[in-house]
Structures are given as C-alpha cells and as structure tokens.
C-alpha cells in the first residue's frame, strides 16, 4: 500500500507518518509513505505518473491548497482516494465536492486516522472486484465500483459507467436483457428500482421521491412504491453496513 502525505507543516507530516507506521506495525501491512510539503510539487509528480492508494491532503497550505489540488485531480480524471486534514471544521465540507473518503481534524487522533486507513483498504478491495460478461462476439470486464447503473433498451441493456483508472468509456450496450445482466453482474449494491432500471447505490448521490441521482448526474426513475426501499438501502450501503 502507498500513502502520500501533503502538509506544509513539517511537524504535522512527521506526526502523520509516525501514526501510519504504527498502523503498519499493528496490522502487519507494508505501507510505503511519501511526504510532500508543497501541493505544487505533488501535482507535478501526479501528472508524471505518481499513483498512491491514499492521499492525505492538508486543506490549508501556502500556494496551492489541498482542495485546489483535489479539484485538479478530478478534472484530469485522477481517481485516487483522498482524505483531508484541517484545523478548521467548516473547511472539511468542501471535501465532498471532490468525493473525499473522509477527513481528519487537527489535533490528530490515532483512532480517527486508523479508521480512514481501514476504509481506504476496504475501498481498494471493492475497486478490484469485477465481472466478466460476454455479449455477442465481445467480452467485457466490468469493475463493480465503476458501475453506475443499468437500463433496459428494448432487448438490450445499457451499462452506465463512471470514468476511472480502470474504465475509459461511459456506456456499454450488451446484447442481453436486463434480468440476465442483473443476475450476471452479482454486484451486492446494485438495486432494482424499476422494471427497466437498476442503480449501484454506492454511486448514488441523492434520492428524490421519483429518482436516484447518481455519479455523472444521471437520473434513474424509481417505480411507484419503491421510494422507501431505495432510501433504506441507500443509507445502509453508504454507511458501510
């Protein structure tokens, strides 16, 4: 596992590094830790191929802030996991705009950091789950974490996907019915919300009385009578239960 720390206060970098090393020893996990004191330097390396399983970014830094760096990453289709650190609680909510997995408030608490690393490891495992699906003369490798939802199109099925390090197309049309595709995918968080639609609740952003709004700003209609079920599963999945 590789973790990047970016904080312009050297003392804070040192503290975070020591806590991560403690986690590594306790859990017998090898963790490579890279330290940056400047977000501009980190941004340069990211553009030149640096990849890490988790980036821990200070929100307030001289030159480029952690939030600004995260926006640049997302705008350039860099989907690394990000956690923010800040001494001011109000700044933390900006992290939701760039799909940060969590945040840490200064002064750091060991248990809080350990939970974030646990979550990052869990996300890595989920991101690696995939299903191989055949369609006509083509075979597709569908990563479960990239699946936004599926939609019936006559006798075919559209897979709506988010761009990621694994996926570079937003839609795939399979020459199969939606029932068959739903059964083949075996995605535990994929919920049938309508006769013609199913949504991956991990990639659902909000629910209205009539729609599931997902990554990519897709709106999937909820069948009459399914709202309560959708809300319950949405909460359960996104709480990690």
C-alpha atoms as a PDB file:
ATOM      1  CA  UNK A   1       0.000   0.000   0.000  1.00  0.00           C
ATOM      2  CA  UNK A   2       1.236   3.510  -0.789  1.00  0.00           C
ATOM      3  CA  UNK A   3       0.120   6.608   1.128  1.00  0.00           C
ATOM      4  CA  UNK A   4       1.025  10.205   0.272  1.00  0.00           C
ATOM      5  CA  UNK A   5       1.008  12.923   2.949  1.00  0.00           C
ATOM      6  CA  UNK A   6       0.933  16.541   1.800  1.00  0.00           C
ATOM      7  CA  UNK A   7       1.154  19.224   4.505  1.00  0.00           C
ATOM      8  CA  UNK A   8       3.305  22.364   4.507  1.00  0.00           C
ATOM      9  CA  UNK A   9       3.894  21.994   8.252  1.00  0.00           C
ATOM     10  CA  UNK A  10       6.768  19.581   8.713  1.00  0.00           C
ATOM     11  CA  UNK A  11       5.739  18.727  12.282  1.00  0.00           C
ATOM     12  CA  UNK A  12       2.293  17.604  11.077  1.00  0.00           C
ATOM     13  CA  UNK A  13       3.832  15.471   8.319  1.00  0.00           C
ATOM     14  CA  UNK A  14       6.117  13.801  10.837  1.00  0.00           C
ATOM     15  CA  UNK A  15       3.228  13.101  13.211  1.00  0.00           C
ATOM     16  CA  UNK A  16       1.049  11.595  10.488  1.00  0.00           C
ATOM     17  CA  UNK A  17       3.924   9.470   9.227  1.00  0.00           C
ATOM     18  CA  UNK A  18       4.619   8.085  12.712  1.00  0.00           C
ATOM     19  CA  UNK A  19       0.942   7.167  13.187  1.00  0.00           C
ATOM     20  CA  UNK A  20       0.790   5.453   9.796  1.00  0.00           C
ATOM     21  CA  UNK A  21       3.947   3.498  10.642  1.00  0.00           C
ATOM     22  CA  UNK A  22       2.310   2.444  13.906  1.00  0.00           C
ATOM     23  CA  UNK A  23      -0.749   1.240  11.969  1.00  0.00           C
ATOM     24  CA  UNK A  24       1.549  -0.683   9.626  1.00  0.00           C
ATOM     25  CA  UNK A  25       3.217  -2.473  12.533  1.00  0.00           C
ATOM     26  CA  UNK A  26      -0.018  -3.265  14.373  1.00  0.00           C
ATOM     27  CA  UNK A  27      -1.719  -4.702  11.278  1.00  0.00           C
ATOM     28  CA  UNK A  28       1.391  -6.242   9.678  1.00  0.00           C
ATOM     29  CA  UNK A  29       0.782  -4.327   6.453  1.00  0.00           C
ATOM     30  CA  UNK A  30       3.616  -2.913   4.353  1.00  0.00           C
ATOM     31  CA  UNK A  31       2.941   0.789   3.729  1.00  0.00           C
ATOM     32  CA  UNK A  32       5.152   2.991   1.569  1.00  0.00           C
ATOM     33  CA  UNK A  33       4.826   6.611   2.787  1.00  0.00           C
ATOM     34  CA  UNK A  34       5.725   9.635   0.643  1.00  0.00           C
ATOM     35  CA  UNK A  35       5.858  13.117   2.163  1.00  0.00           C
ATOM     36  CA  UNK A  36       5.286  16.432   0.384  1.00  0.00           C
ATOM     37  CA  UNK A  37       5.429  19.919   1.863  1.00  0.00           C
ATOM     38  CA  UNK A  38       4.075  21.601  -1.261  1.00  0.00           C
ATOM     39  CA  UNK A  39       0.976  20.705  -3.287  1.00  0.00           C
ATOM     40  CA  UNK A  40       2.535  22.089  -6.479  1.00  0.00           C
ATOM     41  CA  UNK A  41       5.326  19.515  -6.295  1.00  0.00           C
ATOM     42  CA  UNK A  42       2.823  16.738  -5.638  1.00  0.00           C
ATOM     43  CA  UNK A  43       0.699  17.883  -8.574  1.00  0.00           C
ATOM     44  CA  UNK A  44       3.763  17.731 -10.828  1.00  0.00           C
ATOM     45  CA  UNK A  45       4.509  14.170  -9.790  1.00  0.00           C
ATOM     46  CA  UNK A  46       0.850  13.117 -10.185  1.00  0.00           C
ATOM     47  CA  UNK A  47       0.885  14.403 -13.746  1.00  0.00           C
ATOM     48  CA  UNK A  48       4.014  12.355 -14.342  1.00  0.00           C
ATOM     49  CA  UNK A  49       2.533   9.052 -13.250  1.00  0.00           C
ATOM     50  CA  UNK A  50       2.642   9.003  -9.447  1.00  0.00           C
ATOM     51  CA  UNK A  51      -0.108   6.802  -8.040  1.00  0.00           C
ATOM     52  CA  UNK A  52      -0.970   6.183  -4.404  1.00  0.00           C
ATOM     53  CA  UNK A  53      -3.729   4.217  -2.726  1.00  0.00           C
ATOM     54  CA  UNK A  54      -4.493   7.141  -0.415  1.00  0.00           C
ATOM     55  CA  UNK A  55      -3.606  10.841  -0.445  1.00  0.00           C
ATOM     56  CA  UNK A  56      -3.863  12.708   2.866  1.00  0.00           C
ATOM     57  CA  UNK A  57      -4.017  16.412   1.987  1.00  0.00           C
ATOM     58  CA  UNK A  58      -3.994  19.433   4.255  1.00  0.00           C
ATOM     59  CA  UNK A  59      -6.796  21.776   3.236  1.00  0.00           C
ATOM     60  CA  UNK A  60      -4.915  24.957   4.160  1.00  0.00           C
ATOM     61  CA  UNK A  61      -1.491  25.264   2.547  1.00  0.00           C
ATOM     62  CA  UNK A  62       0.537  28.060   1.028  1.00  0.00           C
ATOM     63  CA  UNK A  63       0.479  28.258  -2.769  1.00  0.00           C
ATOM     64  CA  UNK A  64      -1.997  25.526  -3.776  1.00  0.00           C
ATOM     65  CA  UNK A  65      -4.469  24.256  -1.171  1.00  0.00           C
ATOM     66  CA  UNK A  66      -5.455  20.628  -0.745  1.00  0.00           C
ATOM     67  CA  UNK A  67      -8.929  21.399  -2.117  1.00  0.00           C
ATOM     68  CA  UNK A  68      -7.452  23.054  -5.218  1.00  0.00           C
ATOM     69  CA  UNK A  69      -5.182  20.072  -5.799  1.00  0.00           C
ATOM     70  CA  UNK A  70      -8.112  17.651  -5.430  1.00  0.00           C
ATOM     71  CA  UNK A  71     -10.162  19.605  -7.986  1.00  0.00           C
ATOM     72  CA  UNK A  72      -7.262  19.498 -10.452  1.00  0.00           C
ATOM     73  CA  UNK A  73      -7.007  15.748  -9.960  1.00  0.00           C
ATOM     74  CA  UNK A  74     -10.697  15.121 -10.536  1.00  0.00           C
ATOM     75  CA  UNK A  75     -10.768  17.458 -13.553  1.00  0.00           C
ATOM     76  CA  UNK A  76      -7.960  15.365 -15.040  1.00  0.00           C
ATOM     77  CA  UNK A  77      -9.644  12.023 -14.332  1.00  0.00           C
ATOM     78  CA  UNK A  78      -7.367  11.087 -11.425  1.00  0.00           C
ATOM     79  CA  UNK A  79      -9.423   8.940  -9.098  1.00  0.00           C
ATOM     80  CA  UNK A  80      -7.028   8.381  -6.192  1.00  0.00           C
ATOM     81  CA  UNK A  81      -8.627   8.112  -2.766  1.00  0.00           C
ATOM     82  CA  UNK A  82      -8.335  11.398  -0.863  1.00  0.00           C
ATOM     83  CA  UNK A  83      -8.685  12.256   2.823  1.00  0.00           C
ATOM     84  CA  UNK A  84      -8.364  15.830   4.061  1.00  0.00           C
ATOM     85  CA  UNK A  85      -6.862  17.229   7.223  1.00  0.00           C
ATOM     86  CA  UNK A  86      -7.741  20.621   8.649  1.00  0.00           C
ATOM     87  CA  UNK A  87      -7.686  22.588  11.851  1.00  0.00           C
ATOM     88  CA  UNK A  88     -10.999  24.240  10.942  1.00  0.00           C
ATOM     89  CA  UNK A  89     -14.080  22.026  10.828  1.00  0.00           C
ATOM     90  CA  UNK A  90     -16.014  24.252   8.412  1.00  0.00           C
ATOM     91  CA  UNK A  91     -13.443  23.722   5.642  1.00  0.00           C
ATOM     92  CA  UNK A  92     -13.905  19.983   5.722  1.00  0.00           C
ATOM     93  CA  UNK A  93     -17.288  20.044   3.968  1.00  0.00           C
ATOM     94  CA  UNK A  94     -15.616  21.282   0.790  1.00  0.00           C
ATOM     95  CA  UNK A  95     -14.152  17.792   0.520  1.00  0.00           C
ATOM     96  CA  UNK A  96     -17.481  16.296  -0.508  1.00  0.00           C
ATOM     97  CA  UNK A  97     -17.261  18.159  -3.826  1.00  0.00           C
ATOM     98  CA  UNK A  98     -14.281  16.020  -4.826  1.00  0.00           C
ATOM     99  CA  UNK A  99     -15.558  12.743  -3.362  1.00  0.00           C
ATOM    100  CA  UNK A 100     -13.103  12.598  -0.456  1.00  0.00           C
ATOM    101  CA  UNK A 101     -13.441   9.433   1.609  1.00  0.00           C
ATOM    102  CA  UNK A 102     -13.084  11.238   4.942  1.00  0.00           C
ATOM    103  CA  UNK A 103     -11.326  13.965   6.889  1.00  0.00           C
ATOM    104  CA  UNK A 104      -9.182  14.381   9.997  1.00  0.00           C
ATOM    105  CA  UNK A 105      -9.386  17.342  12.315  1.00  0.00           C
ATOM    106  CA  UNK A 106      -6.253  18.666  13.985  1.00  0.00           C
ATOM    107  CA  UNK A 107      -5.025  17.752  16.533  1.00  0.00           C
ATOM    108  CA  UNK A 108      -4.959  14.216  15.135  1.00  0.00           C
ATOM    109  CA  UNK A 109      -6.481  11.290  16.955  1.00  0.00           C
ATOM    110  CA  UNK A 110      -4.900   7.919  16.241  1.00  0.00           C
ATOM    111  CA  UNK A 111      -8.207   6.045  16.131  1.00  0.00           C
ATOM    112  CA  UNK A 112      -9.598   8.518  13.607  1.00  0.00           C
ATOM    113  CA  UNK A 113      -6.631   8.051  11.271  1.00  0.00           C
ATOM    114  CA  UNK A 114      -6.718   4.268  11.660  1.00  0.00           C
ATOM    115  CA  UNK A 115     -10.406   4.213  10.646  1.00  0.00           C
ATOM    116  CA  UNK A 116      -9.569   6.166   7.496  1.00  0.00           C
ATOM    117  CA  UNK A 117      -6.811   3.740   6.527  1.00  0.00           C
ATOM    118  CA  UNK A 118      -9.183   0.825   7.175  1.00  0.00           C
ATOM    119  CA  UNK A 119     -11.759   2.473   4.920  1.00  0.00           C
ATOM    120  CA  UNK A 120      -9.174   3.064   2.189  1.00  0.00           C
ATOM    121  CA  UNK A 121      -8.113  -0.592   2.283  1.00  0.00           C
ATOM    122  CA  UNK A 122     -11.740  -1.704   2.106  1.00  0.00           C
ATOM    123  CA  UNK A 123     -12.315   0.583  -0.892  1.00  0.00           C
ATOM    124  CA  UNK A 124      -9.264  -0.856  -2.651  1.00  0.00           C
ATOM    125  CA  UNK A 125     -10.735  -4.344  -2.336  1.00  0.00           C
ATOM    126  CA  UNK A 126     -14.107  -3.178  -3.671  1.00  0.00           C
ATOM    127  CA  UNK A 127     -12.460  -1.357  -6.573  1.00  0.00           C
ATOM    128  CA  UNK A 128     -10.755  -4.573  -7.609  1.00  0.00           C
ATOM    129  CA  UNK A 129     -13.983  -6.600  -7.793  1.00  0.00           C
ATOM    130  CA  UNK A 130     -15.121  -7.238 -11.361  1.00  0.00           C
ATOM    131  CA  UNK A 131     -17.348  -9.415 -13.518  1.00  0.00           C
ATOM    132  CA  UNK A 132     -16.572 -10.769 -16.993  1.00  0.00           C
ATOM    133  CA  UNK A 133     -19.608 -10.506 -19.280  1.00  0.00           C
ATOM    134  CA  UNK A 134     -19.929 -11.856 -22.807  1.00  0.00           C
ATOM    135  CA  UNK A 135     -22.065 -10.083 -25.378  1.00  0.00           C
ATOM    136  CA  UNK A 136     -22.177 -11.326 -28.943  1.00  0.00           C
ATOM    137  CA  UNK A 137     -18.553 -11.665 -30.048  1.00  0.00           C
ATOM    138  CA  UNK A 138     -17.253  -9.277 -27.365  1.00  0.00           C
ATOM    139  CA  UNK A 139     -16.167  -9.839 -23.777  1.00  0.00           C
ATOM    140  CA  UNK A 140     -16.202  -7.026 -21.210  1.00  0.00           C
ATOM    141  CA  UNK A 141     -14.504  -6.702 -17.829  1.00  0.00           C
ATOM    142  CA  UNK A 142     -16.861  -4.663 -15.640  1.00  0.00           C
ATOM    143  CA  UNK A 143     -15.418  -3.273 -12.418  1.00  0.00           C
ATOM    144  CA  UNK A 144     -18.198  -3.160  -9.834  1.00  0.00           C
ATOM    145  CA  UNK A 145     -17.081   0.151  -8.357  1.00  0.00           C
ATOM    146  CA  UNK A 146     -17.309   1.803 -11.796  1.00  0.00           C
ATOM    147  CA  UNK A 147     -20.881   0.678 -12.428  1.00  0.00           C
ATOM    148  CA  UNK A 148     -23.400   3.493 -12.008  1.00  0.00           C
ATOM    149  CA  UNK A 149     -26.494   1.644 -13.163  1.00  0.00           C
ATOM    150  CA  UNK A 150     -28.121  -0.459 -15.859  1.00  0.00           C
ATOM    151  CA  UNK A 151     -31.001   0.385 -18.173  1.00  0.00           C
ATOM    152  CA  UNK A 152     -33.201  -1.781 -20.369  1.00  0.00           C
ATOM    153  CA  UNK A 153     -33.154  -0.812 -24.045  1.00  0.00           C
ATOM    154  CA  UNK A 154     -35.620  -2.989 -25.932  1.00  0.00           C
ATOM    155  CA  UNK A 155     -33.937  -6.431 -25.872  1.00  0.00           C
ATOM    156  CA  UNK A 156     -30.534  -4.976 -24.931  1.00  0.00           C
ATOM    157  CA  UNK A 157     -29.108  -3.440 -21.751  1.00  0.00           C
ATOM    158  CA  UNK A 158     -27.076  -0.254 -21.329  1.00  0.00           C
ATOM    159  CA  UNK A 159     -24.376  -0.222 -18.658  1.00  0.00           C
ATOM    160  CA  UNK A 160     -23.752   3.298 -17.369  1.00  0.00           C
ATOM    161  CA  UNK A 161     -20.192   3.645 -16.057  1.00  0.00           C
ATOM    162  CA  UNK A 162     -18.061   6.305 -14.415  1.00  0.00           C
ATOM    163  CA  UNK A 163     -14.630   7.052 -15.808  1.00  0.00           C
ATOM    164  CA  UNK A 164     -11.847   5.685 -13.621  1.00  0.00           C
ATOM    165  CA  UNK A 165      -8.353   4.262 -13.722  1.00  0.00           C
ATOM    166  CA  UNK A 166      -9.943   1.020 -14.963  1.00  0.00           C
ATOM    167  CA  UNK A 167     -12.710   2.283 -17.249  1.00  0.00           C
ATOM    168  CA  UNK A 168     -12.467   4.782 -20.112  1.00  0.00           C
ATOM    169  CA  UNK A 169     -15.986   4.591 -21.530  1.00  0.00           C
ATOM    170  CA  UNK A 170     -19.244   5.859 -20.089  1.00  0.00           C
ATOM    171  CA  UNK A 171     -21.635   3.384 -21.717  1.00  0.00           C
ATOM    172  CA  UNK A 172     -21.588  -0.206 -22.897  1.00  0.00           C
ATOM    173  CA  UNK A 173     -24.506  -1.806 -24.722  1.00  0.00           C
ATOM    174  CA  UNK A 174     -24.892  -5.522 -24.065  1.00  0.00           C
ATOM    175  CA  UNK A 175     -26.909  -7.784 -26.326  1.00  0.00           C
ATOM    176  CA  UNK A 176     -28.776  -9.220 -23.363  1.00  0.00           C
ATOM    177  CA  UNK A 177     -31.923  -8.468 -21.392  1.00  0.00           C
ATOM    178  CA  UNK A 178     -31.727  -6.528 -18.139  1.00  0.00           C
ATOM    179  CA  UNK A 179     -32.751  -9.525 -15.988  1.00  0.00           C
ATOM    180  CA  UNK A 180     -29.888 -11.623 -17.339  1.00  0.00           C
ATOM    181  CA  UNK A 181     -27.358  -8.804 -16.944  1.00  0.00           C
ATOM    182  CA  UNK A 182     -28.519  -8.055 -13.394  1.00  0.00           C
ATOM    183  CA  UNK A 183     -28.033 -11.704 -12.398  1.00  0.00           C
ATOM    184  CA  UNK A 184     -24.624 -11.994 -14.086  1.00  0.00           C
ATOM    185  CA  UNK A 185     -23.134  -8.867 -12.504  1.00  0.00           C
ATOM    186  CA  UNK A 186     -23.588 -10.052  -8.910  1.00  0.00           C
ATOM    187  CA  UNK A 187     -22.975  -6.538  -7.536  1.00  0.00           C
ATOM    188  CA  UNK A 188     -24.269  -6.555  -3.966  1.00  0.00           C
ATOM    189  CA  UNK A 189     -25.067  -2.814  -4.012  1.00  0.00           C
ATOM    190  CA  UNK A 190     -26.936  -2.950  -7.350  1.00  0.00           C
ATOM    191  CA  UNK A 191     -30.616  -2.346  -6.579  1.00  0.00           C
ATOM    192  CA  UNK A 192     -33.537  -2.908  -8.946  1.00  0.00           C
ATOM    193  CA  UNK A 193     -35.526   0.316  -8.532  1.00  0.00           C
ATOM    194  CA  UNK A 194     -37.767  -0.056 -11.579  1.00  0.00           C
ATOM    195  CA  UNK A 195     -38.700  -2.681 -14.130  1.00  0.00           C
ATOM    196  CA  UNK A 196     -36.249  -1.092 -16.599  1.00  0.00           C
ATOM    197  CA  UNK A 197     -33.576   0.300 -14.264  1.00  0.00           C
ATOM    198  CA  UNK A 198     -31.155  -0.755 -11.534  1.00  0.00           C
ATOM    199  CA  UNK A 199     -28.739   1.538  -9.673  1.00  0.00           C
ATOM    200  CA  UNK A 200     -25.459   0.870  -7.886  1.00  0.00           C
ATOM    201  CA  UNK A 201     -26.222   2.504  -4.541  1.00  0.00           C
ATOM    202  CA  UNK A 202     -22.512   3.030  -3.894  1.00  0.00           C
ATOM    203  CA  UNK A 203     -22.556   5.556  -6.737  1.00  0.00           C
ATOM    204  CA  UNK A 204     -25.882   7.158  -5.848  1.00  0.00           C
ATOM    205  CA  UNK A 205     -25.531  10.774  -4.649  1.00  0.00           C
ATOM    206  CA  UNK A 206     -29.085  11.518  -3.552  1.00  0.00           C
ATOM    207  CA  UNK A 207     -32.637  10.235  -3.759  1.00  0.00           C
ATOM    208  CA  UNK A 208     -35.799  12.164  -4.511  1.00  0.00           C
ATOM    209  CA  UNK A 209     -39.345  10.857  -4.422  1.00  0.00           C
ATOM    210  CA  UNK A 210     -39.090   9.965  -8.107  1.00  0.00           C
ATOM    211  CA  UNK A 211     -35.389   9.495  -8.956  1.00  0.00           C
ATOM    212  CA  UNK A 212     -31.998   8.202  -7.896  1.00  0.00           C
ATOM    213  CA  UNK A 213     -29.392  10.830  -8.833  1.00  0.00           C
ATOM    214  CA  UNK A 214     -26.010   9.223  -9.406  1.00  0.00           C
ATOM    215  CA  UNK A 215     -22.408   9.971 -10.312  1.00  0.00           C
ATOM    216  CA  UNK A 216     -22.345  11.673 -13.702  1.00  0.00           C
ATOM    217  CA  UNK A 217     -25.638  13.405 -12.827  1.00  0.00           C
ATOM    218  CA  UNK A 218     -27.739  10.533 -14.178  1.00  0.00           C
ATOM    219  CA  UNK A 219     -31.361  10.419 -13.063  1.00  0.00           C
ATOM    220  CA  UNK A 220     -32.811   6.901 -12.769  1.00  0.00           C
ATOM    221  CA  UNK A 221     -36.603   6.736 -12.231  1.00  0.00           C
ATOM    222  CA  UNK A 222     -37.923   4.999  -9.129  1.00  0.00           C
ATOM    223  CA  UNK A 223     -41.020   2.890  -9.635  1.00  0.00           C
ATOM    224  CA  UNK A 224     -44.083   3.857  -7.622  1.00  0.00           C
ATOM    225  CA  UNK A 225     -43.910   2.262  -4.197  1.00  0.00           C
ATOM    226  CA  UNK A 226     -40.115   1.728  -4.225  1.00  0.00           C
ATOM    227  CA  UNK A 227     -39.031   5.012  -2.614  1.00  0.00           C
ATOM    228  CA  UNK A 228     -38.846   3.740   0.983  1.00  0.00           C
ATOM    229  CA  UNK A 229     -36.843   0.677  -0.066  1.00  0.00           C
ATOM    230  CA  UNK A 230     -34.426   2.839  -2.089  1.00  0.00           C
ATOM    231  CA  UNK A 231     -33.887   5.215   0.815  1.00  0.00           C
ATOM    232  CA  UNK A 232     -33.236   2.400   3.298  1.00  0.00           C
ATOM    233  CA  UNK A 233     -30.727   0.621   1.039  1.00  0.00           C
ATOM    234  CA  UNK A 234     -29.036   3.913   0.102  1.00  0.00           C
ATOM    235  CA  UNK A 235     -28.440   4.715   3.779  1.00  0.00           C
ATOM    236  CA  UNK A 236     -27.298   1.171   4.585  1.00  0.00           C
ATOM    237  CA  UNK A 237     -24.820   0.928   1.694  1.00  0.00           C
ATOM    238  CA  UNK A 238     -23.303   4.360   2.201  1.00  0.00           C
ATOM    239  CA  UNK A 239     -22.878   3.825   5.929  1.00  0.00           C
ATOM    240  CA  UNK A 240     -20.855   0.736   5.082  1.00  0.00           C
ATOM    241  CA  UNK A 241     -23.244  -1.637   6.874  1.00  0.00           C
END
